[in-house]
Each structure stands twice: as structure tokens, then as C-alpha cells.
Amino acid sequence: MKGFLYLRGVEEARGHSVRVLCDEAVRFDPTMEELQGDAAGLDVFNIPTRYPNGLRGGLPADAYDELDSERALARAGRIIDRVAAAFAG
């Protein structure tokens, strides 16, 4: 999403929330709205999976399973495909 925003002339895309970045992208391409659910679904992995103390009382490996990983990869893939198409077109 940051790449897409830079492609569209945004001088500074900040933050780690894929949903917030997607909301910004909708300003430039209304069809990006279709990705907002995928983007929000990825945000639940942002802090807890990157920092050892991101989850209270446990590790990310205890909170997420293989199905969560598969869903996240599918969501990320749809977003990457759309952004790649924007760069190609």
C-alpha cells in the first residue's frame, strides 16, 4: 500500500496499519475499497507477531495457527496483486 501511495504522488506514507494505508489509497483509486476487509484482517497481526511482548501472557505461536497464516497470506496476496497491477498499468 505504501508503494501504491508513493506511485500516486503521496510524499510521505506513514504507519503500519494496512487498513489506514488502504483507506488513503481509496482516495486515489476507489476500487481499492474492495481490499479494506483484507487490509483490516492483516492489522491483527501487526504488533502481536512482531514483538515478544505483543500478546499478554503468551507467544504469537500460541495465539495463531496454520489457518490464520493461510488467511493472512491470501489477504496479503490479493493486496500485493492489486498494487503490482497499479505499477504495471
PDB file of N, CA and C in Angstrom:
ATOM      1  N   MET A   1       0.818  -1.188   0.000  1.00  0.00           N
ATOM      2  CA  MET A   1       0.000   0.000   0.000  1.00  0.00           C
ATOM      3  C   MET A   1       0.863   1.253   0.000  1.00  0.00           C
ATOM      4  N   LYS A   2       1.937   1.222   0.753  1.00  0.00           N
ATOM      5  CA  LYS A   2       2.806   2.401   0.736  1.00  0.00           C
ATOM      6  C   LYS A   2       3.355   2.642  -0.667  1.00  0.00           C
ATOM      7  N   GLY A   3       3.756   1.584  -1.345  1.00  0.00           N
ATOM      8  CA  GLY A   3       4.248   1.719  -2.706  1.00  0.00           C
ATOM      9  C   GLY A   3       3.201   2.332  -3.617  1.00  0.00           C
ATOM     10  N   PHE A   4       1.968   1.879  -3.482  1.00  0.00           N
ATOM     11  CA  PHE A   4       0.876   2.425  -4.282  1.00  0.00           C
ATOM     12  C   PHE A   4       0.715   3.916  -4.005  1.00  0.00           C
ATOM     13  N   LEU A   5       0.760   4.291  -2.742  1.00  0.00           N
ATOM     14  CA  LEU A   5       0.590   5.694  -2.386  1.00  0.00           C
ATOM     15  C   LEU A   5       1.724   6.547  -2.945  1.00  0.00           C
ATOM     16  N   TYR A   6       2.942   6.042  -2.854  1.00  0.00           N
ATOM     17  CA  TYR A   6       4.073   6.780  -3.431  1.00  0.00           C
ATOM     18  C   TYR A   6       3.928   6.888  -4.948  1.00  0.00           C
ATOM     19  N   LEU A   7       3.453   5.822  -5.581  1.00  0.00           N
ATOM     20  CA  LEU A   7       3.219   5.843  -7.016  1.00  0.00           C
ATOM     21  C   LEU A   7       2.227   6.943  -7.389  1.00  0.00           C
ATOM     22  N   ARG A   8       1.266   7.176  -6.526  1.00  0.00           N
ATOM     23  CA  ARG A   8       0.236   8.186  -6.774  1.00  0.00           C
ATOM     24  C   ARG A   8       0.661   9.590  -6.345  1.00  0.00           C
ATOM     25  N   GLY A   9       1.897   9.739  -5.878  1.00  0.00           N
ATOM     26  CA  GLY A   9       2.412  11.067  -5.566  1.00  0.00           C
ATOM     27  C   GLY A   9       2.374  11.476  -4.109  1.00  0.00           C
ATOM     28  N   VAL A  10       1.953  10.586  -3.231  1.00  0.00           N
ATOM     29  CA  VAL A  10       1.979  10.907  -1.810  1.00  0.00           C
ATOM     30  C   VAL A  10       3.443  11.047  -1.395  1.00  0.00           C
ATOM     31  N   GLU A  11       3.765  12.126  -0.718  1.00  0.00           N
ATOM     32  CA  GLU A  11       5.160  12.368  -0.352  1.00  0.00           C
ATOM     33  C   GLU A  11       5.609  11.558   0.847  1.00  0.00           C
ATOM     34  N   GLU A  12       4.690  11.267   1.743  1.00  0.00           N
ATOM     35  CA  GLU A  12       5.069  10.516   2.928  1.00  0.00           C
ATOM     36  C   GLU A  12       3.897   9.646   3.379  1.00  0.00           C
ATOM     37  N   ALA A  13       4.057   8.348   3.235  1.00  0.00           N
ATOM     38  CA  ALA A  13       3.048   7.393   3.709  1.00  0.00           C
ATOM     39  C   ALA A  13       3.592   6.818   5.008  1.00  0.00           C
ATOM     40  N   ARG A  14       2.905   7.063   6.091  1.00  0.00           N
ATOM     41  CA  ARG A  14       3.421   6.657   7.397  1.00  0.00           C
ATOM     42  C   ARG A  14       2.492   5.668   8.067  1.00  0.00           C
ATOM     43  N   GLY A  15       3.066   4.902   8.966  1.00  0.00           N
ATOM     44  CA  GLY A  15       2.304   3.976   9.786  1.00  0.00           C
ATOM     45  C   GLY A  15       2.411   2.551   9.303  1.00  0.00           C
ATOM     46  N   HIS A  16       1.922   1.659  10.123  1.00  0.00           N
ATOM     47  CA  HIS A  16       1.986   0.234   9.828  1.00  0.00           C
ATOM     48  C   HIS A  16       0.621  -0.387   9.611  1.00  0.00           C
ATOM     49  N   SER A  17      -0.433   0.370   9.819  1.00  0.00           N
ATOM     50  CA  SER A  17      -1.777  -0.166   9.632  1.00  0.00           C
ATOM     51  C   SER A  17      -2.082  -0.266   8.146  1.00  0.00           C
ATOM     52  N   VAL A  18      -2.239  -1.490   7.672  1.00  0.00           N
ATOM     53  CA  VAL A  18      -2.556  -1.694   6.261  1.00  0.00           C
ATOM     54  C   VAL A  18      -3.940  -1.107   5.968  1.00  0.00           C
ATOM     55  N   ARG A  19      -4.842  -1.183   6.924  1.00  0.00           N
ATOM     56  CA  ARG A  19      -6.195  -0.629   6.732  1.00  0.00           C
ATOM     57  C   ARG A  19      -6.150   0.879   6.554  1.00  0.00           C
ATOM     58  N   VAL A  20      -5.389   1.561   7.374  1.00  0.00           N
ATOM     59  CA  VAL A  20      -5.286   3.017   7.268  1.00  0.00           C
ATOM     60  C   VAL A  20      -4.653   3.394   5.932  1.00  0.00           C
ATOM     61  N   LEU A  21      -3.626   2.670   5.525  1.00  0.00           N
ATOM     62  CA  LEU A  21      -2.989   2.920   4.234  1.00  0.00           C
ATOM     63  C   LEU A  21      -3.969   2.643   3.091  1.00  0.00           C
ATOM     64  N   CYS A  22      -4.767   1.601   3.241  1.00  0.00           N
ATOM     65  CA  CYS A  22      -5.768   1.271   2.225  1.00  0.00           C
ATOM     66  C   CYS A  22      -6.831   2.374   2.145  1.00  0.00           C
ATOM     67  N   ASP A  23      -7.242   2.880   3.280  1.00  0.00           N
ATOM     68  CA  ASP A  23      -8.210   3.985   3.294  1.00  0.00           C
ATOM     69  C   ASP A  23      -7.662   5.174   2.518  1.00  0.00           C
ATOM     70  N   GLU A  24      -6.384   5.441   2.691  1.00  0.00           N
ATOM     71  CA  GLU A  24      -5.733   6.526   1.958  1.00  0.00           C
ATOM     72  C   GLU A  24      -5.709   6.224   0.456  1.00  0.00           C
ATOM     73  N   ALA A  25      -5.438   4.972   0.113  1.00  0.00           N
ATOM     74  CA  ALA A  25      -5.366   4.566  -1.295  1.00  0.00           C
ATOM     75  C   ALA A  25      -6.708   4.733  -1.999  1.00  0.00           C
ATOM     76  N   VAL A  26      -7.797   4.579  -1.263  1.00  0.00           N
ATOM     77  CA  VAL A  26      -9.135   4.722  -1.849  1.00  0.00           C
ATOM     78  C   VAL A  26      -9.335   6.128  -2.418  1.00  0.00           C
ATOM     79  N   ARG A  27      -8.664   7.096  -1.853  1.00  0.00           N
ATOM     80  CA  ARG A  27      -8.762   8.474  -2.373  1.00  0.00           C
ATOM     81  C   ARG A  27      -8.268   8.554  -3.811  1.00  0.00           C
ATOM     82  N   PHE A  28      -7.307   7.717  -4.148  1.00  0.00           N
ATOM     83  CA  PHE A  28      -6.705   7.744  -5.486  1.00  0.00           C
ATOM     84  C   PHE A  28      -7.334   6.720  -6.428  1.00  0.00           C
ATOM     85  N   ASP A  29      -7.855   5.657  -5.855  1.00  0.00           N
ATOM     86  CA  ASP A  29      -8.455   4.588  -6.659  1.00  0.00           C
ATOM     87  C   ASP A  29      -9.600   3.981  -5.852  1.00  0.00           C
ATOM     88  N   PRO A  30     -10.836   4.391  -6.137  1.00  0.00           N
ATOM     89  CA  PRO A  30     -11.984   3.904  -5.371  1.00  0.00           C
ATOM     90  C   PRO A  30     -12.115   2.381  -5.343  1.00  0.00           C
ATOM     91  N   THR A  31     -11.558   1.688  -6.337  1.00  0.00           N
ATOM     92  CA  THR A  31     -11.656   0.228  -6.334  1.00  0.00           C
ATOM     93  C   THR A  31     -10.830  -0.401  -5.216  1.00  0.00           C
ATOM     94  N   MET A  32      -9.920   0.359  -4.638  1.00  0.00           N
ATOM     95  CA  MET A  32      -9.137  -0.155  -3.508  1.00  0.00           C
ATOM     96  C   MET A  32     -10.026  -0.444  -2.298  1.00  0.00           C
ATOM     97  N   GLU A  33     -11.225   0.114  -2.311  1.00  0.00           N
ATOM     98  CA  GLU A  33     -12.167  -0.132  -1.219  1.00  0.00           C
ATOM     99  C   GLU A  33     -12.444  -1.626  -1.058  1.00  0.00           C
ATOM    100  N   GLU A  34     -12.371  -2.354  -2.160  1.00  0.00           N
ATOM    101  CA  GLU A  34     -12.584  -3.808  -2.121  1.00  0.00           C
ATOM    102  C   GLU A  34     -11.567  -4.519  -1.234  1.00  0.00           C
ATOM    103  N   LEU A  35     -10.434  -3.887  -1.000  1.00  0.00           N
ATOM    104  CA  LEU A  35      -9.357  -4.511  -0.225  1.00  0.00           C
ATOM    105  C   LEU A  35      -9.388  -4.133   1.251  1.00  0.00           C
ATOM    106  N   GLN A  36     -10.315  -3.288   1.648  1.00  0.00           N
ATOM    107  CA  GLN A  36     -10.324  -2.822   3.038  1.00  0.00           C
ATOM    108  C   GLN A  36     -10.524  -3.952   4.039  1.00  0.00           C
ATOM    109  N   GLY A  37     -11.340  -4.941   3.709  1.00  0.00           N
ATOM    110  CA  GLY A  37     -11.518  -6.084   4.613  1.00  0.00           C
ATOM    111  C   GLY A  37     -10.243  -6.894   4.741  1.00  0.00           C
ATOM    112  N   ASP A  38      -9.565  -7.112   3.615  1.00  0.00           N
ATOM    113  CA  ASP A  38      -8.288  -7.818   3.663  1.00  0.00           C
ATOM    114  C   ASP A  38      -7.269  -7.035   4.477  1.00  0.00           C
ATOM    115  N   ALA A  39      -7.230  -5.731   4.260  1.00  0.00           N
ATOM    116  CA  ALA A  39      -6.272  -4.890   4.977  1.00  0.00           C
ATOM    117  C   ALA A  39      -6.535  -4.927   6.481  1.00  0.00           C
ATOM    118  N   ALA A  40      -7.781  -4.812   6.872  1.00  0.00           N
ATOM    119  CA  ALA A  40      -8.121  -4.865   8.301  1.00  0.00           C
ATOM    120  C   ALA A  40      -7.766  -6.220   8.896  1.00  0.00           C
ATOM    121  N   GLY A  41      -7.971  -7.277   8.117  1.00  0.00           N
ATOM    122  CA  GLY A  41      -7.637  -8.617   8.586  1.00  0.00           C
ATOM    123  C   GLY A  41      -6.155  -8.812   8.821  1.00  0.00           C
ATOM    124  N   LEU A  42      -5.327  -8.054   8.129  1.00  0.00           N
ATOM    125  CA  LEU A  42      -3.878  -8.151   8.340  1.00  0.00           C
ATOM    126  C   LEU A  42      -3.423  -7.356   9.554  1.00  0.00           C
ATOM    127  N   ASP A  43      -4.144  -6.309   9.880  1.00  0.00           N
ATOM    128  CA  ASP A  43      -3.734  -5.469  11.005  1.00  0.00           C
ATOM    129  C   ASP A  43      -3.697  -6.211  12.334  1.00  0.00           C
ATOM    130  N   VAL A  44      -4.464  -7.272  12.467  1.00  0.00           N
ATOM    131  CA  VAL A  44      -4.460  -8.014  13.738  1.00  0.00           C
ATOM    132  C   VAL A  44      -3.127  -8.720  13.976  1.00  0.00           C
ATOM    133  N   PHE A  45      -2.310  -8.825  12.941  1.00  0.00           N
ATOM    134  CA  PHE A  45      -1.003  -9.464  13.085  1.00  0.00           C
ATOM    135  C   PHE A  45       0.123  -8.453  13.307  1.00  0.00           C
ATOM    136  N   ASN A  46      -0.176  -7.190  13.172  1.00  0.00           N
ATOM    137  CA  ASN A  46       0.846  -6.155  13.156  1.00  0.00           C
ATOM    138  C   ASN A  46       1.737  -6.158  14.396  1.00  0.00           C
ATOM    139  N   ILE A  47       1.220  -5.857  15.532  1.00  0.00           N
ATOM    140  CA  ILE A  47       2.033  -5.753  16.747  1.00  0.00           C
ATOM    141  C   ILE A  47       2.283  -7.121  17.391  1.00  0.00           C
ATOM    142  N   PRO A  48       1.249  -7.940  17.587  1.00  0.00           N
ATOM    143  CA  PRO A  48       1.455  -9.187  18.325  1.00  0.00           C
ATOM    144  C   PRO A  48       2.478 -10.139  17.713  1.00  0.00           C
ATOM    145  N   THR A  49       2.630 -10.125  16.423  1.00  0.00           N
ATOM    146  CA  THR A  49       3.559 -11.071  15.796  1.00  0.00           C
ATOM    147  C   THR A  49       4.971 -10.516  15.659  1.00  0.00           C
ATOM    148  N   ARG A  50       5.128  -9.236  15.872  1.00  0.00           N
ATOM    149  CA  ARG A  50       6.446  -8.619  15.683  1.00  0.00           C
ATOM    150  C   ARG A  50       7.205  -8.397  16.980  1.00  0.00           C
ATOM    151  N   TYR A  51       6.507  -8.344  18.075  1.00  0.00           N
ATOM    152  CA  TYR A  51       7.157  -8.019  19.340  1.00  0.00           C
ATOM    153  C   TYR A  51       6.888  -9.120  20.362  1.00  0.00           C
ATOM    154  N   PRO A  52       7.917  -9.550  21.070  1.00  0.00           N
ATOM    155  CA  PRO A  52       7.763 -10.661  22.019  1.00  0.00           C
ATOM    156  C   PRO A  52       6.723 -10.398  23.102  1.00  0.00           C
ATOM    157  N   ASN A  53       6.533  -9.152  23.465  1.00  0.00           N
ATOM    158  CA  ASN A  53       5.551  -8.824  24.499  1.00  0.00           C
ATOM    159  C   ASN A  53       4.256  -8.267  23.900  1.00  0.00           C
ATOM    160  N   GLY A  54       4.039  -8.544  22.616  1.00  0.00           N
ATOM    161  CA  GLY A  54       2.853  -8.029  21.934  1.00  0.00           C
ATOM    162  C   GLY A  54       1.557  -8.692  22.357  1.00  0.00           C
ATOM    163  N   LEU A  55       1.662  -9.867  22.934  1.00  0.00           N
ATOM    164  CA  LEU A  55       0.483 -10.586  23.438  1.00  0.00           C
ATOM    165  C   LEU A  55       0.614 -10.763  24.940  1.00  0.00           C
ATOM    166  N   ARG A  56      -0.439 -10.479  25.629  1.00  0.00           N
ATOM    167  CA  ARG A  56      -0.414 -10.683  27.081  1.00  0.00           C
ATOM    168  C   ARG A  56      -0.450 -12.169  27.392  1.00  0.00           C
ATOM    169  N   GLY A  57       0.522 -12.606  28.115  1.00  0.00           N
ATOM    170  CA  GLY A  57       0.515 -13.968  28.605  1.00  0.00           C
ATOM    171  C   GLY A  57       0.797 -15.051  27.588  1.00  0.00           C
ATOM    172  N   GLY A  58       1.436 -14.731  26.493  1.00  0.00           N
ATOM    173  CA  GLY A  58       1.712 -15.782  25.538  1.00  0.00           C
ATOM    174  C   GLY A  58       2.575 -15.341  24.379  1.00  0.00           C
ATOM    175  N   LEU A  59       2.868 -16.280  23.545  1.00  0.00           N
ATOM    176  CA  LEU A  59       3.659 -16.043  22.347  1.00  0.00           C
ATOM    177  C   LEU A  59       2.757 -16.076  21.117  1.00  0.00           C
ATOM    178  N   PRO A  60       3.163 -15.422  20.042  1.00  0.00           N
ATOM    179  CA  PRO A  60       2.360 -15.478  18.820  1.00  0.00           C
ATOM    180  C   PRO A  60       2.076 -16.915  18.371  1.00  0.00           C
ATOM    181  N   ALA A  61       3.032 -17.805  18.557  1.00  0.00           N
ATOM    182  CA  ALA A  61       2.838 -19.204  18.158  1.00  0.00           C
ATOM    183  C   ALA A  61       1.703 -19.860  18.930  1.00  0.00           C
ATOM    184  N   ASP A  62       1.397 -19.337  20.111  1.00  0.00           N
ATOM    185  CA  ASP A  62       0.302 -19.877  20.914  1.00  0.00           C
ATOM    186  C   ASP A  62      -1.052 -19.281  20.507  1.00  0.00           C
ATOM    187  N   ALA A  63      -1.017 -18.121  19.867  1.00  0.00           N
ATOM    188  CA  ALA A  63      -2.259 -17.412  19.553  1.00  0.00           C
ATOM    189  C   ALA A  63      -2.725 -17.613  18.117  1.00  0.00           C
ATOM    190  N   TYR A  64      -1.798 -17.950  17.217  1.00  0.00           N
ATOM    191  CA  TYR A  64      -2.129 -18.075  15.804  1.00  0.00           C
ATOM    192  C   TYR A  64      -1.814 -19.476  15.323  1.00  0.00           C
ATOM    193  N   ASP A  65      -2.633 -19.961  14.411  1.00  0.00           N
ATOM    194  CA  ASP A  65      -2.409 -21.313  13.890  1.00  0.00           C
ATOM    195  C   ASP A  65      -2.189 -21.275  12.383  1.00  0.00           C
ATOM    196  N   GLU A  66      -2.092 -22.439  11.792  1.00  0.00           N
ATOM    197  CA  GLU A  66      -1.816 -22.546  10.365  1.00  0.00           C
ATOM    198  C   GLU A  66      -2.917 -21.893   9.522  1.00  0.00           C
ATOM    199  N   LEU A  67      -4.155 -22.050   9.935  1.00  0.00           N
ATOM    200  CA  LEU A  67      -5.258 -21.433   9.196  1.00  0.00           C
ATOM    201  C   LEU A  67      -5.144 -19.910   9.210  1.00  0.00           C
ATOM    202  N   ASP A  68      -4.768 -19.342  10.355  1.00  0.00           N
ATOM    203  CA  ASP A  68      -4.552 -17.893  10.427  1.00  0.00           C
ATOM    204  C   ASP A  68      -3.482 -17.465   9.430  1.00  0.00           C
ATOM    205  N   SER A  69      -2.410 -18.247   9.352  1.00  0.00           N
ATOM    206  CA  SER A  69      -1.318 -17.939   8.423  1.00  0.00           C
ATOM    207  C   SER A  69      -1.792 -18.002   6.979  1.00  0.00           C
ATOM    208  N   GLU A  70      -2.546 -19.027   6.656  1.00  0.00           N
ATOM    209  CA  GLU A  70      -3.042 -19.181   5.288  1.00  0.00           C
ATOM    210  C   GLU A  70      -3.959 -18.022   4.901  1.00  0.00           C
ATOM    211  N   ARG A  71      -4.823 -17.626   5.813  1.00  0.00           N
ATOM    212  CA  ARG A  71      -5.732 -16.498   5.543  1.00  0.00           C
ATOM    213  C   ARG A  71      -4.944 -15.200   5.363  1.00  0.00           C
ATOM    214  N   ALA A  72      -3.953 -14.989   6.213  1.00  0.00           N
ATOM    215  CA  ALA A  72      -3.141 -13.773   6.115  1.00  0.00           C
ATOM    216  C   ALA A  72      -2.385 -13.737   4.791  1.00  0.00           C
ATOM    217  N   LEU A  73      -1.831 -14.855   4.395  1.00  0.00           N
ATOM    218  CA  LEU A  73      -1.106 -14.905   3.118  1.00  0.00           C
ATOM    219  C   LEU A  73      -2.036 -14.642   1.942  1.00  0.00           C
ATOM    220  N   ALA A  74      -3.237 -15.172   2.003  1.00  0.00           N
ATOM    221  CA  ALA A  74      -4.205 -14.928   0.927  1.00  0.00           C
ATOM    222  C   ALA A  74      -4.585 -13.454   0.868  1.00  0.00           C
ATOM    223  N   ARG A  75      -4.819 -12.852   2.028  1.00  0.00           N
ATOM    224  CA  ARG A  75      -5.168 -11.430   2.076  1.00  0.00           C
ATOM    225  C   ARG A  75      -4.023 -10.576   1.540  1.00  0.00           C
ATOM    226  N   ALA A  76      -2.827 -10.865   2.016  1.00  0.00           N
ATOM    227  CA  ALA A  76      -1.662 -10.107   1.555  1.00  0.00           C
ATOM    228  C   ALA A  76      -1.471 -10.294   0.057  1.00  0.00           C
ATOM    229  N   GLY A  77      -1.683 -11.491  -0.432  1.00  0.00           N
ATOM    230  CA  GLY A  77      -1.524 -11.763  -1.855  1.00  0.00           C
ATOM    231  C   GLY A  77      -2.466 -10.942  -2.710  1.00  0.00           C
ATOM    232  N   ARG A  78      -3.715 -10.812  -2.264  1.00  0.00           N
ATOM    233  CA  ARG A  78      -4.673 -10.006  -3.028  1.00  0.00           C
ATOM    234  C   ARG A  78      -4.254  -8.538  -3.066  1.00  0.00           C
ATOM    235  N   ILE A  79      -3.750  -8.065  -1.955  1.00  0.00           N
ATOM    236  CA  ILE A  79      -3.299  -6.673  -1.896  1.00  0.00           C
ATOM    237  C   ILE A  79      -2.066  -6.476  -2.781  1.00  0.00           C
ATOM    238  N   ILE A  80      -1.121  -7.368  -2.677  1.00  0.00           N
ATOM    239  CA  ILE A  80       0.104  -7.275  -3.485  1.00  0.00           C
ATOM    240  C   ILE A  80      -0.244  -7.346  -4.968  1.00  0.00           C
ATOM    241  N   ASP A  81      -1.139  -8.228  -5.342  1.00  0.00           N
ATOM    242  CA  ASP A  81      -1.530  -8.340  -6.749  1.00  0.00           C
ATOM    243  C   ASP A  81      -2.124  -7.035  -7.277  1.00  0.00           C
ATOM    244  N   ARG A  82      -2.972  -6.403  -6.463  1.00  0.00           N
ATOM    245  CA  ARG A  82      -3.613  -5.158  -6.898  1.00  0.00           C
ATOM    246  C   ARG A  82      -2.591  -4.034  -7.017  1.00  0.00           C
ATOM    247  N   VAL A  83      -1.684  -3.954  -6.056  1.00  0.00           N
ATOM    248  CA  VAL A  83      -0.657  -2.919  -6.111  1.00  0.00           C
ATOM    249  C   VAL A  83       0.284  -3.165  -7.287  1.00  0.00           C
ATOM    250  N   ALA A  84       0.660  -4.417  -7.517  1.00  0.00           N
ATOM    251  CA  ALA A  84       1.528  -4.748  -8.655  1.00  0.00           C
ATOM    252  C   ALA A  84       0.865  -4.363  -9.972  1.00  0.00           C
ATOM    253  N   ALA A  85      -0.440  -4.585 -10.068  1.00  0.00           N
ATOM    254  CA  ALA A  85      -1.173  -4.211 -11.279  1.00  0.00           C
ATOM    255  C   ALA A  85      -1.151  -2.700 -11.477  1.00  0.00           C
ATOM    256  N   ALA A  86      -1.215  -1.959 -10.394  1.00  0.00           N
ATOM    257  CA  ALA A  86      -1.160  -0.498 -10.498  1.00  0.00           C
ATOM    258  C   ALA A  86       0.190  -0.048 -11.043  1.00  0.00           C
ATOM    259  N   PHE A  87       1.262  -0.722 -10.628  1.00  0.00           N
ATOM    260  CA  PHE A  87       2.591  -0.381 -11.121  1.00  0.00           C
ATOM    261  C   PHE A  87       2.745  -0.778 -12.587  1.00  0.00           C
ATOM    262  N   ALA A  88       2.129  -1.884 -12.969  1.00  0.00           N
ATOM    263  CA  ALA A  88       2.242  -2.367 -14.343  1.00  0.00           C
ATOM    264  C   ALA A  88       1.415  -1.533 -15.315  1.00  0.00           C
ATOM    265  N   GLY A  89       0.314  -1.000 -14.789  1.00  0.00           N
ATOM    266  CA  GLY A  89      -0.616  -0.289 -15.686  1.00  0.00           C
ATOM    267  C   GLY A  89      -0.371   1.134 -15.686  1.00  0.00           C
TER     268      GLY A  89
END
